[in-house]
PDB file of N, CA and C in Angstrom:
ATOM      1  N   VAL A   1       2.600 -27.622 -12.024  1.00  0.00           N
ATOM      2  CA  VAL A   1       1.852 -26.989 -12.979  1.00  0.00           C
ATOM      3  C   VAL A   1       1.766 -28.231 -14.214  1.00  0.00           C
ATOM      4  N   SER A   2       2.812 -28.993 -14.467  1.00  0.00           N
ATOM      5  CA  SER A   2       2.795 -30.158 -15.107  1.00  0.00           C
ATOM      6  C   SER A   2       1.674 -31.062 -15.118  1.00  0.00           C
ATOM      7  N   ARG A   3       1.012 -31.013 -13.823  1.00  0.00           N
ATOM      8  CA  ARG A   3       0.252 -31.958 -13.506  1.00  0.00           C
ATOM      9  C   ARG A   3      -0.895 -31.742 -14.121  1.00  0.00           C
ATOM     10  N   TYR A   4      -1.461 -30.429 -14.355  1.00  0.00           N
ATOM     11  CA  TYR A   4      -2.632 -29.903 -14.653  1.00  0.00           C
ATOM     12  C   TYR A   4      -2.834 -29.512 -16.133  1.00  0.00           C
ATOM     13  N   THR A   5      -3.887 -29.840 -16.895  1.00  0.00           N
ATOM     14  CA  THR A   5      -4.130 -29.602 -18.133  1.00  0.00           C
ATOM     15  C   THR A   5      -5.328 -28.606 -18.239  1.00  0.00           C
ATOM     16  N   ASP A   6      -6.186 -28.374 -17.181  1.00  0.00           N
ATOM     17  CA  ASP A   6      -7.276 -27.845 -17.506  1.00  0.00           C
ATOM     18  C   ASP A   6      -7.203 -26.172 -17.605  1.00  0.00           C
ATOM     19  N   ILE A   7      -7.487 -25.408 -18.432  1.00  0.00           N
ATOM     20  CA  ILE A   7      -7.227 -24.519 -19.252  1.00  0.00           C
ATOM     21  C   ILE A   7      -7.747 -23.271 -18.266  1.00  0.00           C
ATOM     22  N   THR A   8      -8.942 -23.655 -17.536  1.00  0.00           N
ATOM     23  CA  THR A   8      -9.373 -22.409 -16.635  1.00  0.00           C
ATOM     24  C   THR A   8      -8.344 -22.390 -15.306  1.00  0.00           C
ATOM     25  N   PHE A   9      -7.921 -23.551 -14.792  1.00  0.00           N
ATOM     26  CA  PHE A   9      -6.972 -23.812 -13.905  1.00  0.00           C
ATOM     27  C   PHE A   9      -5.531 -22.958 -13.952  1.00  0.00           C
ATOM     28  N   LEU A  10      -5.077 -23.003 -15.170  1.00  0.00           N
ATOM     29  CA  LEU A  10      -3.784 -22.598 -15.797  1.00  0.00           C
ATOM     30  C   LEU A  10      -3.955 -21.189 -15.845  1.00  0.00           C
ATOM     31  N   LYS A  11      -5.142 -20.656 -16.083  1.00  0.00           N
ATOM     32  CA  LYS A  11      -5.266 -19.208 -16.423  1.00  0.00           C
ATOM     33  C   LYS A  11      -5.548 -18.608 -14.939  1.00  0.00           C
ATOM     34  N   ARG A  12      -6.100 -19.131 -14.220  1.00  0.00           N
ATOM     35  CA  ARG A  12      -6.120 -18.758 -12.856  1.00  0.00           C
ATOM     36  C   ARG A  12      -5.123 -18.778 -12.001  1.00  0.00           C
ATOM     37  N   LEU A  13      -4.117 -19.882 -12.420  1.00  0.00           N
ATOM     38  CA  LEU A  13      -2.738 -20.059 -11.733  1.00  0.00           C
ATOM     39  C   LEU A  13      -1.964 -18.576 -12.277  1.00  0.00           C
ATOM     40  N   GLU A  14      -2.133 -18.448 -13.377  1.00  0.00           N
ATOM     41  CA  GLU A  14      -1.252 -17.399 -13.968  1.00  0.00           C
ATOM     42  C   GLU A  14      -1.598 -16.073 -13.616  1.00  0.00           C
ATOM     43  N   HIS A  15      -2.936 -15.949 -13.131  1.00  0.00           N
ATOM     44  CA  HIS A  15      -3.446 -14.661 -12.457  1.00  0.00           C
ATOM     45  C   HIS A  15      -2.860 -14.442 -11.249  1.00  0.00           C
ATOM     46  N   TYR A  16      -2.619 -15.454 -10.414  1.00  0.00           N
ATOM     47  CA  TYR A  16      -2.147 -15.387  -8.931  1.00  0.00           C
ATOM     48  C   TYR A  16      -0.450 -15.201  -9.220  1.00  0.00           C
ATOM     49  N   GLN A  17      -0.021 -15.963 -10.008  1.00  0.00           N
ATOM     50  CA  GLN A  17       1.151 -15.666 -10.343  1.00  0.00           C
ATOM     51  C   GLN A  17       1.687 -14.205 -10.840  1.00  0.00           C
ATOM     52  N   ASN A  18       0.979 -13.268 -11.396  1.00  0.00           N
ATOM     53  CA  ASN A  18       0.887 -12.044 -11.801  1.00  0.00           C
ATOM     54  C   ASN A  18       0.653 -11.165 -10.515  1.00  0.00           C
ATOM     55  N   GLU A  19      -0.348 -11.487  -9.833  1.00  0.00           N
ATOM     56  CA  GLU A  19      -0.805 -11.105  -8.174  1.00  0.00           C
ATOM     57  C   GLU A  19       0.358 -11.063  -7.607  1.00  0.00           C
ATOM     58  N   ILE A  20       1.277 -12.137  -7.440  1.00  0.00           N
ATOM     59  CA  ILE A  20       2.614 -12.218  -6.507  1.00  0.00           C
ATOM     60  C   ILE A  20       3.485 -11.439  -6.741  1.00  0.00           C
ATOM     61  N   ARG A  21       3.671 -11.302  -8.300  1.00  0.00           N
ATOM     62  CA  ARG A  21       4.769 -10.194  -8.999  1.00  0.00           C
ATOM     63  C   ARG A  21       4.261  -8.910  -8.369  1.00  0.00           C
ATOM     64  N   LEU A  22       3.279  -8.283  -8.610  1.00  0.00           N
ATOM     65  CA  LEU A  22       2.638  -6.887  -8.203  1.00  0.00           C
ATOM     66  C   LEU A  22       2.986  -6.578  -6.714  1.00  0.00           C
ATOM     67  N   HIS A  23       2.479  -7.632  -5.915  1.00  0.00           N
ATOM     68  CA  HIS A  23       2.883  -7.271  -4.737  1.00  0.00           C
ATOM     69  C   HIS A  23       4.291  -7.279  -4.288  1.00  0.00           C
ATOM     70  N   GLU A  24       5.204  -8.097  -4.997  1.00  0.00           N
ATOM     71  CA  GLU A  24       6.587  -8.109  -4.492  1.00  0.00           C
ATOM     72  C   GLU A  24       7.081  -6.869  -5.152  1.00  0.00           C
ATOM     73  N   ILE A  25       6.634  -6.237  -6.177  1.00  0.00           N
ATOM     74  CA  ILE A  25       6.972  -4.970  -6.501  1.00  0.00           C
ATOM     75  C   ILE A  25       6.616  -3.884  -5.507  1.00  0.00           C
ATOM     76  N   ARG A  26       5.461  -3.927  -5.248  1.00  0.00           N
ATOM     77  CA  ARG A  26       4.746  -2.908  -4.186  1.00  0.00           C
ATOM     78  C   ARG A  26       5.766  -2.709  -2.927  1.00  0.00           C
ATOM     79  N   ILE A  27       5.893  -4.303  -2.424  1.00  0.00           N
ATOM     80  CA  ILE A  27       6.583  -4.189  -1.204  1.00  0.00           C
ATOM     81  C   ILE A  27       8.293  -3.699  -1.537  1.00  0.00           C
ATOM     82  N   LEU A  28       8.657  -4.030  -2.469  1.00  0.00           N
ATOM     83  CA  LEU A  28      10.050  -3.352  -2.757  1.00  0.00           C
ATOM     84  C   LEU A  28       9.940  -2.096  -2.691  1.00  0.00           C
ATOM     85  N   ASP A  29       9.081  -1.360  -3.482  1.00  0.00           N
ATOM     86  CA  ASP A  29       9.032   0.151  -3.472  1.00  0.00           C
ATOM     87  C   ASP A  29       8.716   0.612  -2.046  1.00  0.00           C
ATOM     88  N   LEU A  30       8.014   0.065  -1.262  1.00  0.00           N
ATOM     89  CA  LEU A  30       7.857   0.439  -0.003  1.00  0.00           C
ATOM     90  C   LEU A  30       8.742   0.534   1.091  1.00  0.00           C
ATOM     91  N   LEU A  31       9.996  -0.886   0.518  1.00  0.00           N
ATOM     92  CA  LEU A  31      11.222  -0.721   1.441  1.00  0.00           C
ATOM     93  C   LEU A  31      11.993   0.390   1.041  1.00  0.00           C
ATOM     94  N   GLU A  32      12.039   0.538  -0.286  1.00  0.00           N
ATOM     95  CA  GLU A  32      12.788   1.993  -0.659  1.00  0.00           C
ATOM     96  C   GLU A  32      12.254   3.143  -0.177  1.00  0.00           C
ATOM     97  N   ASP A  33      10.931   3.602  -0.121  1.00  0.00           N
ATOM     98  CA  ASP A  33      10.460   4.607   0.651  1.00  0.00           C
ATOM     99  C   ASP A  33      10.875   4.479   2.031  1.00  0.00           C
ATOM    100  N   ILE A  34      11.022   3.400   2.648  1.00  0.00           N
ATOM    101  CA  ILE A  34      11.556   3.321   4.259  1.00  0.00           C
ATOM    102  C   ILE A  34      12.591   3.716   4.277  1.00  0.00           C
ATOM    103  N   GLU A  35      13.399   3.358   3.386  1.00  0.00           N
ATOM    104  CA  GLU A  35      14.983   3.466   3.551  1.00  0.00           C
ATOM    105  C   GLU A  35      15.306   4.886   3.324  1.00  0.00           C
ATOM    106  N   LYS A  36      14.709   5.809   2.331  1.00  0.00           N
ATOM    107  CA  LYS A  36      14.750   7.004   2.113  1.00  0.00           C
ATOM    108  C   LYS A  36      14.252   8.018   3.324  1.00  0.00           C
ATOM    109  N   HIS A  37      13.215   7.618   4.032  1.00  0.00           N
ATOM    110  CA  HIS A  37      12.659   8.092   5.028  1.00  0.00           C
ATOM    111  C   HIS A  37      13.674   8.062   6.173  1.00  0.00           C
ATOM    112  N   GLU A  38      13.846   6.898   6.530  1.00  0.00           N
ATOM    113  CA  GLU A  38      15.139   6.756   7.588  1.00  0.00           C
ATOM    114  C   GLU A  38      16.144   7.502   7.502  1.00  0.00           C
ATOM    115  N   ALA A  39      16.913   7.562   6.035  1.00  0.00           N
ATOM    116  CA  ALA A  39      17.985   8.384   5.804  1.00  0.00           C
ATOM    117  C   ALA A  39      17.706   9.870   5.951  1.00  0.00           C
ATOM    118  N   ARG A  40      16.271  10.290   5.594  1.00  0.00           N
ATOM    119  CA  ARG A  40      16.008  11.672   5.940  1.00  0.00           C
ATOM    120  C   ARG A  40      16.274  12.198   7.457  1.00  0.00           C
ATOM    121  N   ILE A  41      15.624  11.072   8.398  1.00  0.00           N
ATOM    122  CA  ILE A  41      15.247  11.329   9.888  1.00  0.00           C
ATOM    123  C   ILE A  41      16.922  11.381  10.402  1.00  0.00           C
ATOM    124  N   ALA A  42      17.712  10.476   9.747  1.00  0.00           N
ATOM    125  CA  ALA A  42      19.007  10.394  10.333  1.00  0.00           C
ATOM    126  C   ALA A  42      19.801  11.774   9.974  1.00  0.00           C
ATOM    127  N   GLY A  43      19.581  12.221   9.035  1.00  0.00           N
ATOM    128  CA  GLY A  43      20.283  13.481   8.343  1.00  0.00           C
ATOM    129  C   GLY A  43      19.712  14.544   9.272  1.00  0.00           C
ATOM    130  N   GLN A  44      18.360  14.600   9.596  1.00  0.00           N
ATOM    131  CA  GLN A  44      17.693  15.909  10.292  1.00  0.00           C
ATOM    132  C   GLN A  44      18.602  15.743  11.757  1.00  0.00           C
ATOM    133  N   THR A  45      18.441  14.400  12.152  1.00  0.00           N
ATOM    134  CA  THR A  45      19.242  14.265  13.254  1.00  0.00           C
ATOM    135  C   THR A  45      20.593  14.548  13.579  1.00  0.00           C
ATOM    136  N   ARG A  46      21.135  14.548  12.444  1.00  0.00           N
ATOM    137  CA  ARG A  46      22.818  14.817  12.569  1.00  0.00           C
ATOM    138  C   ARG A  46      22.944  16.555  12.539  1.00  0.00           C
ATOM    139  N   SER A  47      21.980  17.148  11.867  1.00  0.00           N
ATOM    140  CA  SER A  47      21.873  18.448  11.936  1.00  0.00           C
ATOM    141  C   SER A  47      21.447  19.442  13.069  1.00  0.00           C
ATOM    142  N   GLY A  48      21.195  18.462  13.904  1.00  0.00           N
ATOM    143  CA  GLY A  48      20.546  19.044  15.372  1.00  0.00           C
ATOM    144  C   GLY A  48      19.160  19.281  15.278  1.00  0.00           C
ATOM    145  N   GLY A  49      18.297  18.875  14.257  1.00  0.00           N
ATOM    146  CA  GLY A  49      16.806  18.918  14.688  1.00  0.00           C
ATOM    147  C   GLY A  49      15.912  17.829  15.112  1.00  0.00           C
ATOM    148  N   ALA A  50      16.814  17.144  15.952  1.00  0.00           N
ATOM    149  CA  ALA A  50      15.968  15.737  16.644  1.00  0.00           C
ATOM    150  C   ALA A  50      14.854  16.198  17.062  1.00  0.00           C
ATOM    151  N   GLU A  51      14.727  17.484  17.661  1.00  0.00           N
ATOM    152  CA  GLU A  51      13.368  17.712  18.560  1.00  0.00           C
ATOM    153  C   GLU A  51      12.373  17.621  17.823  1.00  0.00           C
ATOM    154  N   TYR A  52      11.957  17.810  16.268  1.00  0.00           N
ATOM    155  CA  TYR A  52      11.109  17.909  15.782  1.00  0.00           C
ATOM    156  C   TYR A  52      11.346  17.439  14.324  1.00  0.00           C
ATOM    157  N   MET A  53      10.100  17.092  13.765  1.00  0.00           N
ATOM    158  CA  MET A  53       9.921  16.565  12.631  1.00  0.00           C
ATOM    159  C   MET A  53       9.390  17.745  11.862  1.00  0.00           C
ATOM    160  N   ASP A  54       9.947  18.219  10.634  1.00  0.00           N
ATOM    161  CA  ASP A  54       8.815  19.442   9.593  1.00  0.00           C
ATOM    162  C   ASP A  54       8.094  18.487   9.367  1.00  0.00           C
ATOM    163  N   ILE A  55       7.069  19.260   8.748  1.00  0.00           N
ATOM    164  CA  ILE A  55       5.825  19.123   8.194  1.00  0.00           C
ATOM    165  C   ILE A  55       5.911  18.027   6.722  1.00  0.00           C
ATOM    166  N   THR A  56       6.779  18.336   6.147  1.00  0.00           N
ATOM    167  CA  THR A  56       6.781  17.536   4.860  1.00  0.00           C
ATOM    168  C   THR A  56       7.442  16.006   5.556  1.00  0.00           C
ATOM    169  N   MET A  57       8.281  15.823   6.318  1.00  0.00           N
ATOM    170  CA  MET A  57       8.658  14.506   7.015  1.00  0.00           C
ATOM    171  C   MET A  57       7.186  14.023   7.718  1.00  0.00           C
ATOM    172  N   VAL A  58       6.513  14.708   8.236  1.00  0.00           N
ATOM    173  CA  VAL A  58       5.366  13.941   8.999  1.00  0.00           C
ATOM    174  C   VAL A  58       4.407  13.521   7.922  1.00  0.00           C
ATOM    175  N   ASN A  59       4.343  14.348   6.820  1.00  0.00           N
ATOM    176  CA  ASN A  59       3.528  13.945   5.824  1.00  0.00           C
ATOM    177  C   ASN A  59       4.042  12.584   5.054  1.00  0.00           C
ATOM    178  N   ALA A  60       5.203  12.739   4.794  1.00  0.00           N
ATOM    179  CA  ALA A  60       5.900  11.487   4.198  1.00  0.00           C
ATOM    180  C   ALA A  60       5.972  10.202   4.921  1.00  0.00           C
ATOM    181  N   HIS A  61       6.021  10.425   6.424  1.00  0.00           N
ATOM    182  CA  HIS A  61       5.786   9.450   7.377  1.00  0.00           C
ATOM    183  C   HIS A  61       4.188   8.811   7.252  1.00  0.00           C
ATOM    184  N   ARG A  62       3.312   9.503   7.301  1.00  0.00           N
ATOM    185  CA  ARG A  62       1.965   9.153   7.210  1.00  0.00           C
ATOM    186  C   ARG A  62       1.484   8.693   5.887  1.00  0.00           C
ATOM    187  N   THR A  63       2.026   9.046   4.833  1.00  0.00           N
ATOM    188  CA  THR A  63       1.967   8.509   3.355  1.00  0.00           C
ATOM    189  C   THR A  63       2.291   7.059   3.287  1.00  0.00           C
ATOM    190  N   THR A  64       3.612   6.930   3.870  1.00  0.00           N
ATOM    191  CA  THR A  64       4.346   5.738   3.994  1.00  0.00           C
ATOM    192  C   THR A  64       3.474   4.642   4.800  1.00  0.00           C
ATOM    193  N   ARG A  65       3.021   5.114   6.064  1.00  0.00           N
ATOM    194  CA  ARG A  65       2.429   4.246   6.754  1.00  0.00           C
ATOM    195  C   ARG A  65       0.959   3.899   6.274  1.00  0.00           C
ATOM    196  N   ASP A  66       0.230   4.840   5.364  1.00  0.00           N
ATOM    197  CA  ASP A  66      -1.115   4.583   4.776  1.00  0.00           C
ATOM    198  C   ASP A  66      -0.794   3.426   3.798  1.00  0.00           C
ATOM    199  N   LYS A  67       0.430   3.775   3.107  1.00  0.00           N
ATOM    200  CA  LYS A  67       0.535   2.632   1.674  1.00  0.00           C
ATOM    201  C   LYS A  67       0.852   1.232   2.517  1.00  0.00           C
ATOM    202  N   MET A  68       1.856   1.305   3.557  1.00  0.00           N
ATOM    203  CA  MET A  68       1.914  -0.286   4.217  1.00  0.00           C
ATOM    204  C   MET A  68       0.643  -0.627   4.756  1.00  0.00           C
ATOM    205  N   GLU A  69      -0.166   0.151   5.203  1.00  0.00           N
ATOM    206  CA  GLU A  69      -1.515  -0.665   5.752  1.00  0.00           C
ATOM    207  C   GLU A  69      -2.481  -1.063   4.687  1.00  0.00           C
ATOM    208  N   THR A  70      -2.415  -0.337   3.392  1.00  0.00           N
ATOM    209  CA  THR A  70      -3.242  -0.598   2.314  1.00  0.00           C
ATOM    210  C   THR A  70      -2.659  -1.991   1.958  1.00  0.00           C
ATOM    211  N   GLU A  71      -1.207  -1.911   1.532  1.00  0.00           N
ATOM    212  CA  GLU A  71      -0.599  -3.151   1.113  1.00  0.00           C
ATOM    213  C   GLU A  71      -1.007  -4.424   2.119  1.00  0.00           C
ATOM    214  N   ARG A  72      -1.060  -4.285   3.367  1.00  0.00           N
ATOM    215  CA  ARG A  72      -1.201  -5.141   4.253  1.00  0.00           C
ATOM    216  C   ARG A  72      -2.524  -5.801   4.007  1.00  0.00           C
ATOM    217  N   ASP A  73      -3.421  -4.921   3.976  1.00  0.00           N
ATOM    218  CA  ASP A  73      -4.819  -5.258   3.691  1.00  0.00           C
ATOM    219  C   ASP A  73      -5.134  -6.064   2.415  1.00  0.00           C
ATOM    220  N   VAL A  74      -4.618  -5.478   1.586  1.00  0.00           N
ATOM    221  CA  VAL A  74      -4.803  -5.898   0.170  1.00  0.00           C
ATOM    222  C   VAL A  74      -4.193  -7.577   0.041  1.00  0.00           C
ATOM    223  N   TYR A  75      -3.236  -7.450   0.514  1.00  0.00           N
ATOM    224  CA  TYR A  75      -2.561  -9.058   0.400  1.00  0.00           C
ATOM    225  C   TYR A  75      -2.955  -9.748   1.655  1.00  0.00           C
ATOM    226  N   ALA A  76      -3.310  -9.580   2.623  1.00  0.00           N
ATOM    227  CA  ALA A  76      -4.388 -10.374   3.605  1.00  0.00           C
ATOM    228  C   ALA A  76      -5.426 -10.979   2.519  1.00  0.00           C
ATOM    229  N   ASN A  77      -5.985 -10.322   1.844  1.00  0.00           N
ATOM    230  CA  ASN A  77      -7.230 -10.522   0.865  1.00  0.00           C
ATOM    231  C   ASN A  77      -6.967 -11.254  -0.203  1.00  0.00           C
ATOM    232  N   PHE A  78      -5.554 -10.975  -0.744  1.00  0.00           N
ATOM    233  CA  PHE A  78      -5.282 -11.938  -1.727  1.00  0.00           C
ATOM    234  C   PHE A  78      -4.741 -13.370  -1.329  1.00  0.00           C
ATOM    235  N   LYS A  79      -4.188 -13.254  -0.035  1.00  0.00           N
ATOM    236  CA  LYS A  79      -3.756 -14.625   0.524  1.00  0.00           C
ATOM    237  C   LYS A  79      -4.867 -15.237   0.988  1.00  0.00           C
ATOM    238  N   LYS A  80      -6.029 -14.979   1.123  1.00  0.00           N
ATOM    239  CA  LYS A  80      -7.246 -15.747   1.757  1.00  0.00           C
ATOM    240  C   LYS A  80      -7.919 -16.255   0.309  1.00  0.00           C
ATOM    241  N   GLU A  81      -7.814 -15.458  -0.664  1.00  0.00           N
ATOM    242  CA  GLU A  81      -8.259 -15.825  -1.862  1.00  0.00           C
ATOM    243  C   GLU A  81      -7.555 -16.887  -2.729  1.00  0.00           C
ATOM    244  N   PHE A  82      -6.306 -16.721  -2.463  1.00  0.00           N
ATOM    245  CA  PHE A  82      -5.023 -17.661  -3.080  1.00  0.00           C
ATOM    246  C   PHE A  82      -5.316 -19.031  -2.294  1.00  0.00           C
ATOM    247  N   PHE A  83      -5.466 -19.087  -1.159  1.00  0.00           N
ATOM    248  CA  PHE A  83      -5.815 -20.472  -0.361  1.00  0.00           C
ATOM    249  C   PHE A  83      -6.907 -21.205  -0.869  1.00  0.00           C
ATOM    250  N   ALA A  84      -8.089 -20.228  -0.787  1.00  0.00           N
ATOM    251  CA  ALA A  84      -8.980 -20.997  -1.417  1.00  0.00           C
ATOM    252  C   ALA A  84      -9.055 -21.358  -2.597  1.00  0.00           C
ATOM    253  N   PHE A  85      -8.519 -20.918  -3.360  1.00  0.00           N
ATOM    254  CA  PHE A  85      -7.936 -21.641  -5.022  1.00  0.00           C
ATOM    255  C   PHE A  85      -7.526 -22.746  -4.608  1.00  0.00           C
ATOM    256  N   LEU A  86      -6.268 -22.722  -4.254  1.00  0.00           N
ATOM    257  CA  LEU A  86      -5.533 -23.862  -3.672  1.00  0.00           C
ATOM    258  C   LEU A  86      -6.402 -24.872  -3.151  1.00  0.00           C
ATOM    259  N   THR A  87      -7.316 -24.845  -2.157  1.00  0.00           N
ATOM    260  CA  THR A  87      -8.057 -25.807  -1.650  1.00  0.00           C
ATOM    261  C   THR A  87      -8.970 -26.441  -2.567  1.00  0.00           C
ATOM    262  N   GLU A  88      -9.491 -25.632  -3.414  1.00  0.00           N
ATOM    263  CA  GLU A  88     -10.397 -25.906  -4.490  1.00  0.00           C
ATOM    264  C   GLU A  88      -9.702 -27.106  -5.614  1.00  0.00           C
ATOM    265  N   TYR A  89      -8.639 -26.831  -5.888  1.00  0.00           N
ATOM    266  CA  TYR A  89      -7.816 -27.617  -6.920  1.00  0.00           C
ATOM    267  C   TYR A  89      -7.007 -28.621  -6.515  1.00  0.00           C
ATOM    268  N   MET A  90      -6.686 -28.729  -4.948  1.00  0.00           N
ATOM    269  CA  MET A  90      -5.456 -29.306  -4.561  1.00  0.00           C
ATOM    270  C   MET A  90      -6.056 -30.413  -3.619  1.00  0.00           C
TER     271      MET A  90
END
């Protein structure tokens, strides 16, 4: 960063830095959701309910999977945009 003085470049770089932080937060939230979901599945299995998953659990699984797929798509687009930015300036 110290090599660059162009204010436009520095503003765009800060934008990407903020985006990376937001993705990190989303990914950590997803990891927490997954851990909770796994714990719930394990608890249900221990209580003898391994043959089925209740509707709430199925919906939670679907919601978490959808969030993961959305984040994967958003991150892939961000990554393309970021690398195009780097190519432009580096």
